[in-house]
N, C-alpha and C. Protein backbone atom coordinates (compact mmCIF):
# COMPACT_ATOMS: atom_id res chain seq x y z
N UNK A 1 97.85 130.18 110.02
CA UNK A 1 96.84 129.46 109.26
C UNK A 1 96.20 130.41 108.25
N UNK A 2 96.10 129.95 107.01
CA UNK A 2 95.61 130.82 105.97
C UNK A 2 94.28 130.24 105.41
N UNK A 3 93.52 131.10 104.82
CA UNK A 3 92.19 130.67 104.26
C UNK A 3 91.15 130.56 105.34
N UNK A 4 89.93 130.29 104.89
CA UNK A 4 88.83 130.22 105.83
C UNK A 4 88.78 128.83 106.51
N UNK A 5 88.54 128.82 107.78
CA UNK A 5 88.34 127.59 108.52
C UNK A 5 86.91 127.59 109.01
N UNK A 6 86.20 126.47 108.71
CA UNK A 6 84.79 126.42 109.05
C UNK A 6 84.56 125.34 110.13
N UNK A 7 83.51 125.63 110.92
CA UNK A 7 83.08 124.68 111.94
C UNK A 7 82.28 123.60 111.26
N UNK A 8 81.99 122.54 112.02
CA UNK A 8 81.20 121.39 111.48
C UNK A 8 79.89 121.84 110.87
N UNK A 9 79.28 122.87 111.44
CA UNK A 9 77.96 123.31 110.90
C UNK A 9 78.07 124.37 109.82
N UNK A 10 79.32 124.61 109.38
CA UNK A 10 79.54 125.52 108.20
C UNK A 10 79.87 126.94 108.54
N UNK A 11 79.88 127.34 109.77
CA UNK A 11 80.21 128.71 110.14
C UNK A 11 81.72 128.95 109.95
N UNK A 12 82.06 130.20 109.54
CA UNK A 12 83.46 130.52 109.42
C UNK A 12 84.05 130.82 110.82
N UNK A 13 85.13 130.15 111.17
CA UNK A 13 85.77 130.39 112.46
C UNK A 13 86.57 131.64 112.50
N UNK A 14 86.48 132.38 113.60
CA UNK A 14 87.29 133.58 113.75
C UNK A 14 88.69 133.22 114.15
N UNK A 15 89.47 134.24 114.42
CA UNK A 15 90.90 134.03 114.73
C UNK A 15 91.04 133.15 116.02
N UNK A 16 90.21 133.46 116.99
CA UNK A 16 90.27 132.72 118.25
C UNK A 16 89.85 131.24 118.01
N UNK A 17 88.81 131.08 117.19
CA UNK A 17 88.33 129.74 116.92
C UNK A 17 89.38 128.93 116.15
N UNK A 18 90.09 129.62 115.20
CA UNK A 18 91.14 128.90 114.46
C UNK A 18 92.23 128.48 115.38
N UNK A 19 92.58 129.31 116.30
CA UNK A 19 93.65 128.99 117.29
C UNK A 19 93.23 127.81 118.15
N UNK A 20 92.00 127.79 118.56
CA UNK A 20 91.48 126.64 119.40
C UNK A 20 91.50 125.35 118.57
N UNK A 21 91.07 125.46 117.34
CA UNK A 21 91.07 124.29 116.47
C UNK A 21 92.49 123.77 116.27
N UNK A 22 93.43 124.67 116.03
CA UNK A 22 94.81 124.20 115.84
C UNK A 22 95.39 123.62 117.14
N UNK A 23 95.01 124.15 118.28
CA UNK A 23 95.49 123.61 119.52
C UNK A 23 94.95 122.19 119.74
N UNK A 24 93.71 121.96 119.36
CA UNK A 24 93.16 120.62 119.45
C UNK A 24 93.95 119.64 118.55
N UNK A 25 94.26 120.07 117.34
CA UNK A 25 95.05 119.25 116.45
C UNK A 25 96.41 118.96 117.04
N UNK A 26 97.05 119.97 117.56
CA UNK A 26 98.42 119.81 118.16
C UNK A 26 98.38 118.82 119.29
N UNK A 27 97.32 118.95 120.15
CA UNK A 27 97.24 118.04 121.27
C UNK A 27 96.96 116.61 120.85
N UNK A 28 96.14 116.45 119.83
CA UNK A 28 95.88 115.13 119.28
C UNK A 28 97.11 114.51 118.69
N UNK A 29 97.87 115.30 117.96
CA UNK A 29 99.12 114.81 117.40
C UNK A 29 100.06 114.32 118.47
N UNK A 30 100.19 115.11 119.56
CA UNK A 30 101.06 114.70 120.66
C UNK A 30 100.56 113.42 121.31
N UNK A 31 99.28 113.27 121.45
CA UNK A 31 98.73 112.08 122.09
C UNK A 31 98.96 110.82 121.27
N UNK A 32 98.87 110.99 119.96
CA UNK A 32 99.07 109.85 119.10
C UNK A 32 100.50 109.31 119.16
N UNK A 33 101.42 110.16 119.53
CA UNK A 33 102.80 109.70 119.62
C UNK A 33 103.05 108.80 120.83
N UNK A 34 102.11 108.81 121.77
CA UNK A 34 102.31 108.00 123.01
C UNK A 34 101.14 107.04 123.28
N UNK A 35 100.06 107.13 122.55
CA UNK A 35 98.92 106.26 122.81
C UNK A 35 98.43 105.64 121.50
N UNK A 36 97.94 104.39 121.55
CA UNK A 36 97.34 103.75 120.40
C UNK A 36 96.16 104.63 119.90
N UNK A 37 96.04 104.68 118.58
CA UNK A 37 95.04 105.53 117.96
C UNK A 37 93.63 105.36 118.53
N UNK A 38 93.21 104.12 118.69
CA UNK A 38 91.87 103.82 119.15
C UNK A 38 91.65 104.07 120.61
N UNK A 39 92.72 104.31 121.33
CA UNK A 39 92.61 104.61 122.75
C UNK A 39 92.39 106.10 123.02
N UNK A 40 92.58 106.94 122.01
CA UNK A 40 92.46 108.39 122.12
C UNK A 40 91.01 108.77 122.06
N UNK A 41 90.51 109.43 123.08
CA UNK A 41 89.09 109.82 123.14
C UNK A 41 88.92 111.35 123.06
N UNK A 42 87.79 111.76 122.59
CA UNK A 42 87.52 113.20 122.42
C UNK A 42 87.71 113.94 123.73
N UNK A 43 87.19 113.38 124.83
CA UNK A 43 87.28 114.07 126.10
C UNK A 43 88.71 114.24 126.57
N UNK A 44 89.57 113.30 126.23
CA UNK A 44 91.00 113.40 126.61
C UNK A 44 91.70 114.49 125.79
N UNK A 45 91.37 114.57 124.49
CA UNK A 45 91.99 115.61 123.61
C UNK A 45 91.56 116.97 124.10
N UNK A 46 90.23 117.12 124.38
CA UNK A 46 89.66 118.37 124.82
C UNK A 46 90.30 118.78 126.16
N UNK A 47 90.43 117.86 127.05
CA UNK A 47 90.99 118.17 128.38
C UNK A 47 92.44 118.63 128.22
N UNK A 48 93.19 117.96 127.36
CA UNK A 48 94.60 118.32 127.18
C UNK A 48 94.72 119.71 126.52
N UNK A 49 93.74 120.06 125.73
CA UNK A 49 93.77 121.36 125.08
C UNK A 49 93.17 122.48 125.94
N UNK A 50 92.66 122.08 127.12
CA UNK A 50 92.08 123.07 128.02
C UNK A 50 90.75 123.56 127.57
N UNK A 51 89.99 122.68 126.90
CA UNK A 51 88.65 123.09 126.46
C UNK A 51 87.72 121.93 126.71
N UNK A 52 86.51 121.95 126.08
CA UNK A 52 85.49 120.95 126.35
C UNK A 52 85.24 120.09 125.14
N UNK A 53 84.62 118.89 125.33
CA UNK A 53 84.24 118.06 124.19
C UNK A 53 83.29 118.76 123.23
N UNK A 54 82.44 119.63 123.78
CA UNK A 54 81.52 120.35 122.94
C UNK A 54 82.31 121.25 121.96
N UNK A 55 83.36 121.85 122.46
CA UNK A 55 84.14 122.68 121.53
C UNK A 55 84.85 121.84 120.50
N UNK A 56 85.35 120.67 120.92
CA UNK A 56 85.95 119.76 119.91
C UNK A 56 84.99 119.48 118.78
N UNK A 57 83.74 119.17 119.17
CA UNK A 57 82.77 118.77 118.16
C UNK A 57 82.29 119.95 117.26
N UNK A 58 82.69 121.15 117.65
CA UNK A 58 82.41 122.30 116.80
C UNK A 58 83.29 122.28 115.56
N UNK A 59 84.49 121.62 115.68
CA UNK A 59 85.42 121.66 114.59
C UNK A 59 85.66 120.26 113.93
N UNK A 60 85.33 119.19 114.64
CA UNK A 60 85.59 117.85 114.06
C UNK A 60 84.43 116.95 114.42
N UNK A 61 84.05 116.06 113.51
CA UNK A 61 82.90 115.14 113.85
C UNK A 61 83.29 114.08 114.84
N UNK A 62 84.56 113.73 114.90
CA UNK A 62 85.05 112.71 115.83
C UNK A 62 86.60 112.73 115.77
N UNK A 63 87.22 111.82 116.55
CA UNK A 63 88.67 111.77 116.57
C UNK A 63 89.20 111.42 115.17
N UNK A 64 88.53 110.47 114.51
CA UNK A 64 89.02 110.09 113.16
C UNK A 64 89.00 111.27 112.21
N UNK A 65 87.97 112.11 112.30
CA UNK A 65 87.95 113.30 111.45
C UNK A 65 89.11 114.22 111.67
N UNK A 66 89.49 114.38 112.94
CA UNK A 66 90.64 115.23 113.29
C UNK A 66 91.93 114.59 112.78
N UNK A 67 92.04 113.25 112.91
CA UNK A 67 93.20 112.56 112.45
C UNK A 67 93.37 112.73 110.93
N UNK A 68 92.27 112.67 110.17
CA UNK A 68 92.35 112.91 108.79
C UNK A 68 92.82 114.32 108.42
N UNK A 69 92.46 115.28 109.25
CA UNK A 69 92.97 116.64 109.04
C UNK A 69 94.48 116.66 109.18
N UNK A 70 94.99 116.01 110.21
CA UNK A 70 96.44 115.91 110.42
C UNK A 70 97.11 115.21 109.28
N UNK A 71 96.44 114.12 108.78
CA UNK A 71 97.05 113.34 107.75
C UNK A 71 97.10 114.13 106.45
N UNK A 72 96.05 114.88 106.13
CA UNK A 72 96.06 115.65 104.90
C UNK A 72 97.14 116.76 104.95
N UNK A 73 97.31 117.35 106.11
CA UNK A 73 98.41 118.39 106.19
C UNK A 73 99.76 117.72 106.03
N UNK A 74 99.93 116.55 106.58
CA UNK A 74 101.16 115.83 106.42
C UNK A 74 101.44 115.46 104.98
N UNK A 75 100.37 115.04 104.28
CA UNK A 75 100.50 114.65 102.85
C UNK A 75 100.95 115.83 102.02
N UNK A 76 100.46 117.02 102.33
CA UNK A 76 100.91 118.24 101.60
C UNK A 76 102.38 118.46 101.85
N UNK A 77 102.86 118.28 103.03
CA UNK A 77 104.27 118.39 103.33
C UNK A 77 105.03 117.30 102.55
N UNK A 78 104.51 116.11 102.57
CA UNK A 78 105.17 114.97 101.93
C UNK A 78 105.30 115.16 100.40
N UNK A 79 104.44 115.98 99.80
CA UNK A 79 104.56 116.25 98.37
C UNK A 79 105.93 116.85 98.03
N UNK A 80 106.53 117.53 99.00
CA UNK A 80 107.85 118.15 98.80
C UNK A 80 108.96 117.14 98.67
N UNK A 81 108.69 115.84 99.00
CA UNK A 81 109.72 114.83 98.81
C UNK A 81 110.14 114.68 97.37
N UNK A 82 109.26 115.10 96.44
CA UNK A 82 109.57 114.99 95.01
C UNK A 82 110.81 115.80 94.64
N UNK A 83 111.08 116.87 95.43
CA UNK A 83 112.23 117.71 95.16
C UNK A 83 113.56 117.00 95.41
N UNK A 84 113.51 115.88 96.12
CA UNK A 84 114.71 115.12 96.38
C UNK A 84 115.10 114.30 95.19
N UNK A 85 114.22 114.17 94.19
CA UNK A 85 114.46 113.36 93.00
C UNK A 85 114.34 114.19 91.69
N UNK A 86 113.27 114.94 91.54
CA UNK A 86 112.96 115.64 90.31
C UNK A 86 114.12 116.54 89.89
N UNK A 87 114.61 116.35 88.65
CA UNK A 87 115.61 117.21 88.09
C UNK A 87 117.03 116.94 88.64
N UNK A 88 117.17 115.95 89.46
CA UNK A 88 118.47 115.64 90.07
C UNK A 88 119.28 114.72 89.18
N UNK A 89 120.57 114.80 89.24
CA UNK A 89 121.46 113.99 88.42
C UNK A 89 121.69 112.61 89.12
N UNK A 90 121.76 111.57 88.28
CA UNK A 90 122.06 110.27 88.79
C UNK A 90 123.38 109.70 88.19
N UNK A 91 124.21 110.59 87.66
CA UNK A 91 125.48 110.21 87.09
C UNK A 91 126.62 110.64 87.96
N UNK A 92 127.69 109.81 87.95
CA UNK A 92 128.89 110.16 88.68
C UNK A 92 128.67 110.32 90.19
N UNK A 93 129.47 111.22 90.78
CA UNK A 93 129.33 111.50 92.22
C UNK A 93 127.99 112.14 92.55
N UNK A 94 127.46 112.86 91.59
CA UNK A 94 126.17 113.51 91.80
C UNK A 94 125.08 112.45 92.00
N UNK A 95 125.19 111.32 91.36
CA UNK A 95 124.23 110.26 91.51
C UNK A 95 124.22 109.68 92.90
N UNK A 96 125.41 109.55 93.45
CA UNK A 96 125.50 108.99 94.86
C UNK A 96 124.90 110.04 95.85
N UNK A 97 125.20 111.31 95.56
CA UNK A 97 124.65 112.38 96.48
C UNK A 97 123.13 112.37 96.38
N UNK A 98 122.57 112.23 95.20
CA UNK A 98 121.14 112.18 95.04
C UNK A 98 120.52 111.05 95.86
N UNK A 99 121.12 109.86 95.72
CA UNK A 99 120.62 108.67 96.48
C UNK A 99 120.71 108.89 97.99
N UNK A 100 121.80 109.47 98.44
CA UNK A 100 122.00 109.72 99.86
C UNK A 100 120.97 110.75 100.39
N UNK A 101 120.75 111.85 99.62
CA UNK A 101 119.81 112.86 100.06
C UNK A 101 118.38 112.36 100.01
N UNK A 102 118.06 111.51 99.07
CA UNK A 102 116.72 110.92 99.02
C UNK A 102 116.48 110.07 100.23
N UNK A 103 117.43 109.21 100.55
CA UNK A 103 117.27 108.34 101.71
C UNK A 103 117.16 109.14 102.98
N UNK A 104 118.04 110.12 103.12
CA UNK A 104 118.04 110.94 104.36
C UNK A 104 116.74 111.71 104.49
N UNK A 105 116.27 112.29 103.42
CA UNK A 105 115.02 113.09 103.42
C UNK A 105 113.84 112.19 103.72
N UNK A 106 113.77 111.00 103.14
CA UNK A 106 112.68 110.06 103.28
C UNK A 106 112.60 109.57 104.75
N UNK A 107 113.75 109.16 105.27
CA UNK A 107 113.76 108.65 106.64
C UNK A 107 113.45 109.77 107.65
N UNK A 108 113.90 110.99 107.39
CA UNK A 108 113.66 112.11 108.29
C UNK A 108 112.16 112.43 108.32
N UNK A 109 111.54 112.43 107.14
CA UNK A 109 110.11 112.73 107.07
C UNK A 109 109.33 111.66 107.84
N UNK A 110 109.72 110.43 107.71
CA UNK A 110 109.00 109.36 108.41
C UNK A 110 109.14 109.49 109.93
N UNK A 111 110.39 109.81 110.38
CA UNK A 111 110.58 109.96 111.83
C UNK A 111 109.78 111.15 112.36
N UNK A 112 109.75 112.23 111.61
CA UNK A 112 109.03 113.42 112.06
C UNK A 112 107.54 113.17 112.16
N UNK A 113 107.02 112.37 111.28
CA UNK A 113 105.55 112.11 111.24
C UNK A 113 105.18 110.67 111.63
N UNK A 114 106.01 110.07 112.37
CA UNK A 114 105.87 108.65 112.74
C UNK A 114 104.49 108.32 113.29
N UNK A 115 104.00 109.17 114.22
CA UNK A 115 102.74 108.88 114.91
C UNK A 115 101.55 108.87 113.94
N UNK A 116 101.45 109.90 113.12
CA UNK A 116 100.31 109.99 112.22
C UNK A 116 100.45 108.96 111.02
N UNK A 117 101.71 108.67 110.64
CA UNK A 117 101.92 107.73 109.55
C UNK A 117 101.50 106.33 110.04
N UNK A 118 101.69 105.98 111.31
CA UNK A 118 101.26 104.69 111.79
C UNK A 118 99.75 104.54 111.68
N UNK A 119 99.03 105.65 111.96
CA UNK A 119 97.57 105.61 111.82
C UNK A 119 97.15 105.51 110.39
N UNK A 120 97.86 106.25 109.54
CA UNK A 120 97.54 106.18 108.07
C UNK A 120 97.78 104.79 107.54
N UNK A 121 98.88 104.18 107.95
CA UNK A 121 99.20 102.82 107.46
C UNK A 121 98.14 101.80 107.95
N UNK A 122 97.76 102.01 109.24
CA UNK A 122 96.70 101.08 109.80
C UNK A 122 95.41 101.25 109.05
N UNK A 123 94.97 102.47 108.82
CA UNK A 123 93.71 102.70 108.08
C UNK A 123 93.78 102.16 106.67
N UNK A 124 94.91 102.38 106.00
CA UNK A 124 95.08 101.89 104.62
C UNK A 124 95.04 100.35 104.56
N UNK A 125 95.73 99.76 105.54
CA UNK A 125 95.78 98.27 105.64
C UNK A 125 94.39 97.68 105.88
N UNK A 126 93.55 98.44 106.59
CA UNK A 126 92.17 97.97 106.90
C UNK A 126 91.21 98.25 105.75
N UNK A 127 91.70 98.91 104.67
CA UNK A 127 90.86 99.12 103.53
C UNK A 127 90.15 100.46 103.49
N UNK A 128 90.51 101.35 104.40
CA UNK A 128 89.90 102.68 104.44
C UNK A 128 90.48 103.50 103.26
N UNK A 129 89.67 103.77 102.30
CA UNK A 129 90.17 104.46 101.06
C UNK A 129 90.68 105.85 101.36
N UNK A 130 90.15 106.49 102.38
CA UNK A 130 90.63 107.88 102.72
C UNK A 130 92.08 107.85 103.14
N UNK A 131 92.41 106.88 103.99
CA UNK A 131 93.80 106.76 104.39
C UNK A 131 94.73 106.24 103.32
N UNK A 132 94.14 105.33 102.49
CA UNK A 132 94.94 104.77 101.41
C UNK A 132 95.35 105.89 100.41
N UNK A 133 94.40 106.76 100.13
CA UNK A 133 94.69 107.83 99.17
C UNK A 133 95.76 108.81 99.70
N UNK A 134 95.71 109.03 101.02
CA UNK A 134 96.71 109.89 101.62
C UNK A 134 98.10 109.22 101.57
N UNK A 135 98.14 107.90 101.89
CA UNK A 135 99.41 107.18 101.82
C UNK A 135 99.99 107.23 100.43
N UNK A 136 99.15 106.98 99.41
CA UNK A 136 99.61 106.96 98.04
C UNK A 136 100.03 108.36 97.58
N UNK A 137 99.39 109.36 98.07
CA UNK A 137 99.76 110.69 97.73
C UNK A 137 101.19 111.00 98.14
N UNK A 138 101.55 110.52 99.33
CA UNK A 138 102.95 110.73 99.82
C UNK A 138 103.94 109.94 99.01
N UNK A 139 103.61 108.64 98.79
CA UNK A 139 104.56 107.75 98.08
C UNK A 139 104.65 108.13 96.63
N UNK A 140 103.59 108.62 96.00
CA UNK A 140 103.62 109.00 94.61
C UNK A 140 104.54 110.18 94.34
N UNK A 141 104.77 110.98 95.30
CA UNK A 141 105.62 112.17 95.11
C UNK A 141 107.02 111.69 94.83
N UNK A 142 107.46 110.58 95.38
CA UNK A 142 108.77 110.03 95.08
C UNK A 142 108.70 108.99 93.94
N UNK A 143 107.69 108.17 93.94
CA UNK A 143 107.60 107.16 92.92
C UNK A 143 107.58 107.69 91.52
N UNK A 144 106.77 108.70 91.27
CA UNK A 144 106.69 109.22 89.91
C UNK A 144 107.99 109.87 89.42
N UNK A 145 108.67 110.56 90.37
CA UNK A 145 109.92 111.21 90.02
C UNK A 145 111.03 110.21 89.74
N UNK A 146 111.04 109.12 90.55
CA UNK A 146 112.03 108.07 90.32
C UNK A 146 111.81 107.39 88.98
N UNK A 147 110.54 107.11 88.65
CA UNK A 147 110.22 106.47 87.37
C UNK A 147 110.67 107.40 86.17
N UNK A 148 110.43 108.67 86.33
CA UNK A 148 110.88 109.62 85.31
C UNK A 148 112.39 109.64 85.18
N UNK A 149 113.10 109.52 86.28
CA UNK A 149 114.55 109.53 86.29
C UNK A 149 115.07 108.29 85.52
N UNK A 150 114.44 107.12 85.82
CA UNK A 150 114.87 105.91 85.14
C UNK A 150 114.60 105.93 83.66
N UNK A 151 113.44 106.51 83.28
CA UNK A 151 113.09 106.63 81.86
C UNK A 151 114.11 107.53 81.14
N UNK A 152 114.52 108.59 81.80
CA UNK A 152 115.49 109.53 81.21
C UNK A 152 116.86 108.82 81.02
N UNK A 153 117.28 108.07 82.02
CA UNK A 153 118.51 107.31 81.88
C UNK A 153 118.44 106.29 80.77
N UNK A 154 117.28 105.65 80.62
CA UNK A 154 117.06 104.70 79.52
C UNK A 154 117.18 105.41 78.14
N UNK A 155 116.61 106.59 78.03
CA UNK A 155 116.63 107.35 76.76
C UNK A 155 118.00 107.70 76.35
N UNK A 156 118.94 107.74 77.35
CA UNK A 156 120.35 108.06 77.06
C UNK A 156 121.22 106.83 77.01
N UNK A 157 120.54 105.64 77.06
CA UNK A 157 121.30 104.41 76.96
C UNK A 157 122.09 104.02 78.16
N UNK A 158 121.72 104.61 79.33
CA UNK A 158 122.53 104.35 80.54
C UNK A 158 121.86 103.26 81.43
N UNK A 159 120.60 102.92 81.13
CA UNK A 159 119.86 101.87 81.90
C UNK A 159 119.32 100.90 80.87
N UNK A 160 119.45 99.65 81.18
CA UNK A 160 118.91 98.56 80.27
C UNK A 160 117.49 98.81 79.89
N UNK A 161 117.19 98.67 78.63
CA UNK A 161 115.85 98.93 78.10
C UNK A 161 114.81 97.98 78.62
N UNK A 162 115.27 96.82 79.14
CA UNK A 162 114.36 95.78 79.66
C UNK A 162 113.82 96.13 81.06
N UNK A 163 114.44 97.13 81.70
CA UNK A 163 114.01 97.54 83.02
C UNK A 163 112.67 98.30 82.90
N UNK A 164 111.69 97.92 83.73
CA UNK A 164 110.44 98.65 83.73
C UNK A 164 110.52 99.78 84.73
N UNK A 165 110.52 101.04 84.30
CA UNK A 165 110.71 102.18 85.18
C UNK A 165 109.68 102.26 86.32
N UNK A 166 108.39 102.01 85.98
CA UNK A 166 107.34 102.11 87.00
C UNK A 166 107.51 100.98 88.03
N UNK A 167 107.82 99.78 87.59
CA UNK A 167 108.00 98.64 88.54
C UNK A 167 109.21 98.86 89.39
N UNK A 168 110.34 99.32 88.84
CA UNK A 168 111.54 99.55 89.59
C UNK A 168 111.32 100.68 90.62
N UNK A 169 110.70 101.76 90.17
CA UNK A 169 110.46 102.87 91.07
C UNK A 169 109.52 102.44 92.19
N UNK A 170 108.50 101.68 91.88
CA UNK A 170 107.56 101.23 92.84
C UNK A 170 108.19 100.30 93.91
N UNK A 171 109.09 99.42 93.43
CA UNK A 171 109.80 98.53 94.32
C UNK A 171 110.70 99.31 95.29
N UNK A 172 111.39 100.34 94.76
CA UNK A 172 112.31 101.13 95.60
C UNK A 172 111.56 101.96 96.62
N UNK A 173 110.42 102.54 96.21
CA UNK A 173 109.59 103.34 97.14
C UNK A 173 109.01 102.47 98.20
N UNK A 174 108.52 101.26 97.85
CA UNK A 174 107.99 100.33 98.80
C UNK A 174 109.05 99.95 99.83
N UNK A 175 110.24 99.75 99.36
CA UNK A 175 111.39 99.43 100.25
C UNK A 175 111.65 100.60 101.20
N UNK A 176 111.75 101.81 100.64
CA UNK A 176 112.00 102.99 101.50
C UNK A 176 110.93 103.16 102.57
N UNK A 177 109.65 102.99 102.20
CA UNK A 177 108.57 103.11 103.14
C UNK A 177 108.63 102.07 104.22
N UNK A 178 108.95 100.83 103.83
CA UNK A 178 109.06 99.73 104.78
C UNK A 178 110.20 99.97 105.76
N UNK A 179 111.34 100.35 105.26
CA UNK A 179 112.50 100.56 106.13
C UNK A 179 112.24 101.78 106.99
N UNK A 180 111.67 102.81 106.43
CA UNK A 180 111.43 104.06 107.21
C UNK A 180 110.48 103.79 108.37
N UNK A 181 109.52 102.91 108.14
CA UNK A 181 108.58 102.58 109.23
C UNK A 181 109.14 101.57 110.24
N UNK A 182 110.31 101.06 109.92
CA UNK A 182 110.90 100.04 110.82
C UNK A 182 112.24 100.54 111.45
N UNK A 183 112.40 101.87 111.48
CA UNK A 183 113.68 102.37 111.97
C UNK A 183 114.01 101.98 113.37
N UNK A 184 113.06 101.97 114.27
CA UNK A 184 113.33 101.51 115.61
C UNK A 184 113.70 100.05 115.65
N UNK A 185 113.13 99.28 114.76
CA UNK A 185 113.46 97.87 114.70
C UNK A 185 114.92 97.62 114.36
N UNK A 186 115.43 98.45 113.48
CA UNK A 186 116.82 98.31 113.12
C UNK A 186 117.72 98.61 114.31
N UNK A 187 117.33 99.53 115.15
CA UNK A 187 118.11 99.86 116.37
C UNK A 187 118.15 98.65 117.28
N UNK A 188 117.03 97.90 117.40
CA UNK A 188 117.01 96.73 118.23
C UNK A 188 117.89 95.60 117.66
N UNK A 189 118.21 95.70 116.36
CA UNK A 189 119.09 94.73 115.77
C UNK A 189 120.54 95.16 115.83
N UNK A 190 120.75 96.31 116.47
CA UNK A 190 122.10 96.85 116.64
C UNK A 190 122.56 97.64 115.44
N UNK A 191 121.66 98.03 114.52
CA UNK A 191 122.06 98.79 113.31
C UNK A 191 121.77 100.26 113.57
N UNK A 192 122.80 101.07 113.50
CA UNK A 192 122.64 102.48 113.75
C UNK A 192 122.24 103.21 112.48
N UNK A 193 121.63 104.40 112.64
CA UNK A 193 121.24 105.23 111.50
C UNK A 193 122.40 105.48 110.56
N UNK A 194 123.57 105.76 111.12
CA UNK A 194 124.73 106.04 110.32
C UNK A 194 125.15 104.85 109.43
N UNK A 195 124.77 103.64 109.85
CA UNK A 195 125.05 102.43 109.10
C UNK A 195 123.90 102.09 108.13
N UNK A 196 122.68 102.43 108.53
CA UNK A 196 121.55 102.08 107.68
C UNK A 196 121.48 102.94 106.44
N UNK A 197 121.72 104.24 106.58
CA UNK A 197 121.53 105.16 105.44
C UNK A 197 122.37 104.82 104.24
N UNK A 198 123.72 104.58 104.39
CA UNK A 198 124.51 104.27 103.17
C UNK A 198 124.11 102.95 102.55
N UNK A 199 123.66 101.97 103.34
CA UNK A 199 123.24 100.71 102.81
C UNK A 199 121.96 100.91 101.96
N UNK A 200 121.05 101.69 102.49
CA UNK A 200 119.82 101.94 101.74
C UNK A 200 120.08 102.81 100.47
N UNK A 201 120.96 103.78 100.57
CA UNK A 201 121.33 104.60 99.46
C UNK A 201 122.01 103.76 98.34
N UNK A 202 122.77 102.77 98.75
CA UNK A 202 123.38 101.89 97.74
C UNK A 202 122.37 101.10 96.97
N UNK A 203 121.34 100.60 97.67
CA UNK A 203 120.30 99.83 97.02
C UNK A 203 119.50 100.74 96.07
N UNK A 204 119.22 101.95 96.51
CA UNK A 204 118.46 102.93 95.68
C UNK A 204 119.28 103.24 94.40
N UNK A 205 120.56 103.51 94.59
CA UNK A 205 121.41 103.81 93.44
C UNK A 205 121.50 102.69 92.45
N UNK A 206 121.68 101.49 92.95
CA UNK A 206 121.77 100.31 92.08
C UNK A 206 120.41 100.12 91.35
N UNK A 207 119.32 100.36 92.02
CA UNK A 207 118.02 100.21 91.42
C UNK A 207 117.75 101.18 90.31
N UNK A 208 118.12 102.43 90.51
CA UNK A 208 117.88 103.43 89.52
C UNK A 208 118.85 103.37 88.33
N UNK A 209 120.13 103.18 88.62
CA UNK A 209 121.16 103.25 87.58
C UNK A 209 121.67 101.92 87.11
N UNK A 210 121.49 100.85 87.92
CA UNK A 210 122.05 99.56 87.57
C UNK A 210 123.52 99.43 87.78
N UNK A 211 124.10 100.47 88.39
CA UNK A 211 125.55 100.50 88.54
C UNK A 211 125.92 100.85 89.98
N UNK A 212 127.15 100.43 90.42
CA UNK A 212 127.66 100.85 91.68
C UNK A 212 127.91 102.37 91.65
N UNK A 213 127.75 103.04 92.79
CA UNK A 213 127.94 104.49 92.82
C UNK A 213 129.40 104.88 92.75
N UNK A 214 129.63 106.07 92.26
CA UNK A 214 130.97 106.73 92.28
C UNK A 214 130.98 107.64 93.47
N UNK A 215 131.79 107.35 94.47
CA UNK A 215 131.79 108.18 95.70
C UNK A 215 132.98 109.15 95.73
């Protein structure tokens, strides 16, 4: 952990305090993966971390405050998703590879952060602007890069000028997010990951380039 970490009352936490704070966050993250968000209580998080509720309140105002800390850290990681699109080629075989790697990276990120993303989606759906901003921060990392890619292809005459880059990118990102959040559902339909990924990559490639991929 880098930089200064402060307690709720503004004091700078020492190395031991930082370690305790991180352990509380790790335990909360683990609990969110197996329990509904609103069923998680401060006393349970503290007990799992081997400390007291009083210690928890030194670092977080409540469970929601700690969840927001987890979500912000996840959003910073999610910003890296832009590297799956920015500066990548969408022509020839390279275009198909770009689509495949975008889908794989997006689905992997969602699986890794499934527990906290479920809470973020819930908060955003309920109108909590804090969670909404975090969700959009993650999606914008891909949306903006996809829109730029479509604009570049248009400038070279490879995509119909009537296509709206922002609208197409937004539709593709919304699709990716929806599918990523429903991965377990596809399994219940008998669709394996190995079958889902190429189908999703095909839709992404068609959306960006307007053409079937060269494999």
